[in-house]
Amino acid sequence: VRVKVLDKNDSPPSFQGTESEVWVSEELGVGGLVAQVRALDPDTVGQIQYSVVQGAQARFSLHPSGSLRLREPLDRETTDTYTLQIRASDGLQSSDTYLTIKVSFF
């Protein structure tokens, strides 16, 4: 008799912290990489997908793999800080983190 134990999706993905901060130059071009978000999932089933839940979705584009790219030019004089709520989901469960993007002039 063989018994095969399979992992079930019973744990949500988790970020290392509930908040993080990055600095980006206002000279970064459209399509430039702003940040790479990453969550870990202790389950072996499911694939983590990322999405922006709240924040400046029009200004930034978050690929399901976690790469956050600039969609529109930045202007520090207009807005110097953005806060995005980012969700990691494994299809059944999810967790959120907050990413603060500070725009610099260099």
C-alpha atoms as a PDB file:
ATOM      1  CA  VAL A   1       0.000   0.000   0.000  1.00  0.00           C
ATOM      2  CA  ARG A   2       1.375   3.375  -1.005  1.00  0.00           C
ATOM      3  CA  VAL A   3       0.062   6.591   0.394  1.00  0.00           C
ATOM      4  CA  LYS A   4       0.850   9.790  -1.440  1.00  0.00           C
ATOM      5  CA  VAL A   5       0.315  12.958   0.538  1.00  0.00           C
ATOM      6  CA  LEU A   6      -0.341  16.023  -1.589  1.00  0.00           C
ATOM      7  CA  ASP A   7       0.112  19.607  -0.513  1.00  0.00           C
ATOM      8  CA  LYS A   8      -3.074  21.617  -0.333  1.00  0.00           C
ATOM      9  CA  ASN A   9      -3.405  25.340  -0.710  1.00  0.00           C
ATOM     10  CA  ASP A  10      -3.928  26.240   2.937  1.00  0.00           C
ATOM     11  CA  SER A  11      -1.438  29.078   3.448  1.00  0.00           C
ATOM     12  CA  PRO A  12      -1.594  32.563   1.934  1.00  0.00           C
ATOM     13  CA  PRO A  13       1.425  34.102   0.218  1.00  0.00           C
ATOM     14  CA  SER A  14       3.294  36.523   2.456  1.00  0.00           C
ATOM     15  CA  PHE A  15       5.487  39.551   1.913  1.00  0.00           C
ATOM     16  CA  GLN A  16       8.571  40.086   4.086  1.00  0.00           C
ATOM     17  CA  GLY A  17       6.976  43.192   5.563  1.00  0.00           C
ATOM     18  CA  THR A  18       3.697  45.034   5.493  1.00  0.00           C
ATOM     19  CA  GLU A  19       5.352  48.172   4.107  1.00  0.00           C
ATOM     20  CA  SER A  20       8.340  49.013   1.944  1.00  0.00           C
ATOM     21  CA  GLU A  21       9.781  52.116   0.338  1.00  0.00           C
ATOM     22  CA  VAL A  22      11.688  52.775  -2.876  1.00  0.00           C
ATOM     23  CA  TRP A  23      13.209  55.916  -4.363  1.00  0.00           C
ATOM     24  CA  VAL A  24      12.957  56.547  -8.082  1.00  0.00           C
ATOM     25  CA  SER A  25      14.331  59.362 -10.209  1.00  0.00           C
ATOM     26  CA  GLU A  26      11.821  61.570 -11.990  1.00  0.00           C
ATOM     27  CA  GLU A  27      14.085  61.039 -15.022  1.00  0.00           C
ATOM     28  CA  LEU A  28      13.107  57.350 -15.224  1.00  0.00           C
ATOM     29  CA  GLY A  29      11.595  56.723 -18.634  1.00  0.00           C
ATOM     30  CA  VAL A  30       8.206  55.212 -19.359  1.00  0.00           C
ATOM     31  CA  GLY A  31       8.540  51.436 -19.107  1.00  0.00           C
ATOM     32  CA  GLY A  32      11.408  51.710 -16.621  1.00  0.00           C
ATOM     33  CA  LEU A  33      11.541  49.307 -13.685  1.00  0.00           C
ATOM     34  CA  VAL A  34      10.413  50.982 -10.454  1.00  0.00           C
ATOM     35  CA  ALA A  35      10.493  47.942  -8.157  1.00  0.00           C
ATOM     36  CA  GLN A  36      10.255  44.173  -8.060  1.00  0.00           C
ATOM     37  CA  VAL A  37       7.760  42.935  -5.475  1.00  0.00           C
ATOM     38  CA  ARG A  38       8.048  39.426  -4.117  1.00  0.00           C
ATOM     39  CA  ALA A  39       5.974  37.289  -1.811  1.00  0.00           C
ATOM     40  CA  LEU A  40       6.629  33.744  -0.680  1.00  0.00           C
ATOM     41  CA  ASP A  41       4.064  30.960  -0.528  1.00  0.00           C
ATOM     42  CA  PRO A  42       4.808  27.936   1.667  1.00  0.00           C
ATOM     43  CA  ASP A  43       2.401  25.845  -0.413  1.00  0.00           C
ATOM     44  CA  THR A  44       3.807  23.987  -3.388  1.00  0.00           C
ATOM     45  CA  VAL A  45       0.589  24.340  -5.370  1.00  0.00           C
ATOM     46  CA  GLY A  46      -0.555  27.516  -7.040  1.00  0.00           C
ATOM     47  CA  GLN A  47       1.365  30.356  -8.616  1.00  0.00           C
ATOM     48  CA  ILE A  48       1.560  33.824  -7.103  1.00  0.00           C
ATOM     49  CA  GLN A  49       0.010  36.649  -9.125  1.00  0.00           C
ATOM     50  CA  TYR A  50       0.437  40.312  -8.167  1.00  0.00           C
ATOM     51  CA  SER A  51      -1.961  43.213  -8.613  1.00  0.00           C
ATOM     52  CA  VAL A  52      -2.369  46.829  -7.509  1.00  0.00           C
ATOM     53  CA  VAL A  53      -5.444  47.044  -5.289  1.00  0.00           C
ATOM     54  CA  GLN A  54      -5.301  50.751  -4.514  1.00  0.00           C
ATOM     55  CA  GLY A  55      -3.121  53.678  -5.516  1.00  0.00           C
ATOM     56  CA  ALA A  56      -1.952  55.278  -8.731  1.00  0.00           C
ATOM     57  CA  GLN A  57      -2.818  52.439 -11.116  1.00  0.00           C
ATOM     58  CA  ALA A  58      -2.740  54.824 -14.089  1.00  0.00           C
ATOM     59  CA  ARG A  59       0.839  55.894 -13.347  1.00  0.00           C
ATOM     60  CA  PHE A  60       2.291  52.411 -12.762  1.00  0.00           C
ATOM     61  CA  SER A  61       1.910  48.998 -14.346  1.00  0.00           C
ATOM     62  CA  LEU A  62       2.326  45.847 -12.242  1.00  0.00           C
ATOM     63  CA  HIS A  63       3.027  42.674 -14.178  1.00  0.00           C
ATOM     64  CA  PRO A  64       1.559  39.508 -12.631  1.00  0.00           C
ATOM     65  CA  SER A  65       5.183  38.376 -12.055  1.00  0.00           C
ATOM     66  CA  GLY A  66       5.791  41.312  -9.688  1.00  0.00           C
ATOM     67  CA  SER A  67       7.710  43.814 -11.825  1.00  0.00           C
ATOM     68  CA  LEU A  68       6.372  47.332 -11.287  1.00  0.00           C
ATOM     69  CA  ARG A  69       7.021  49.629 -14.240  1.00  0.00           C
ATOM     70  CA  LEU A  70       6.391  53.265 -14.999  1.00  0.00           C
ATOM     71  CA  ARG A  71       3.408  53.838 -17.284  1.00  0.00           C
ATOM     72  CA  GLU A  72       3.463  57.672 -17.348  1.00  0.00           C
ATOM     73  CA  PRO A  73       6.272  60.210 -16.774  1.00  0.00           C
ATOM     74  CA  LEU A  74       6.935  61.389 -13.221  1.00  0.00           C
ATOM     75  CA  ASP A  75       6.994  65.033 -12.143  1.00  0.00           C
ATOM     76  CA  ARG A  76       8.340  65.555  -8.627  1.00  0.00           C
ATOM     77  CA  GLU A  77       6.932  69.092  -8.464  1.00  0.00           C
ATOM     78  CA  THR A  78       3.410  67.740  -9.019  1.00  0.00           C
ATOM     79  CA  THR A  79       3.573  64.574  -6.897  1.00  0.00           C
ATOM     80  CA  ASP A  80       6.627  63.449  -4.945  1.00  0.00           C
ATOM     81  CA  THR A  81       5.175  60.380  -3.183  1.00  0.00           C
ATOM     82  CA  TYR A  82       2.893  57.542  -4.266  1.00  0.00           C
ATOM     83  CA  THR A  83       1.568  54.750  -2.066  1.00  0.00           C
ATOM     84  CA  LEU A  84       0.328  51.555  -3.675  1.00  0.00           C
ATOM     85  CA  GLN A  85      -1.502  48.702  -2.004  1.00  0.00           C
ATOM     86  CA  ILE A  86      -0.221  45.535  -3.673  1.00  0.00           C
ATOM     87  CA  ARG A  87      -1.843  42.125  -3.410  1.00  0.00           C
ATOM     88  CA  ALA A  88      -0.217  38.723  -3.853  1.00  0.00           C
ATOM     89  CA  SER A  89      -2.678  35.929  -4.595  1.00  0.00           C
ATOM     90  CA  ASP A  90      -2.146  32.218  -5.119  1.00  0.00           C
ATOM     91  CA  GLY A  91      -5.610  31.767  -6.588  1.00  0.00           C
ATOM     92  CA  LEU A  92      -7.343  30.982  -3.298  1.00  0.00           C
ATOM     93  CA  GLN A  93      -5.689  33.124  -0.669  1.00  0.00           C
ATOM     94  CA  SER A  94      -4.019  36.512  -0.694  1.00  0.00           C
ATOM     95  CA  SER A  95      -2.076  39.034   1.349  1.00  0.00           C
ATOM     96  CA  ASP A  96      -1.362  42.732   0.897  1.00  0.00           C
ATOM     97  CA  THR A  97       1.566  45.063   1.372  1.00  0.00           C
ATOM     98  CA  TYR A  98       2.036  48.797   0.921  1.00  0.00           C
ATOM     99  CA  LEU A  99       4.754  50.173  -1.330  1.00  0.00           C
ATOM    100  CA  THR A 100       5.681  53.846  -0.993  1.00  0.00           C
ATOM    101  CA  ILE A 101       7.404  55.314  -4.048  1.00  0.00           C
ATOM    102  CA  LYS A 102       9.336  58.513  -3.425  1.00  0.00           C
ATOM    103  CA  VAL A 103      10.298  60.575  -6.461  1.00  0.00           C
ATOM    104  CA  SER A 104      13.743  62.178  -6.429  1.00  0.00           C
ATOM    105  CA  PHE A 105      15.215  64.831  -8.709  1.00  0.00           C
ATOM    106  CA  PHE A 106      18.464  62.917  -9.390  1.00  0.00           C
END
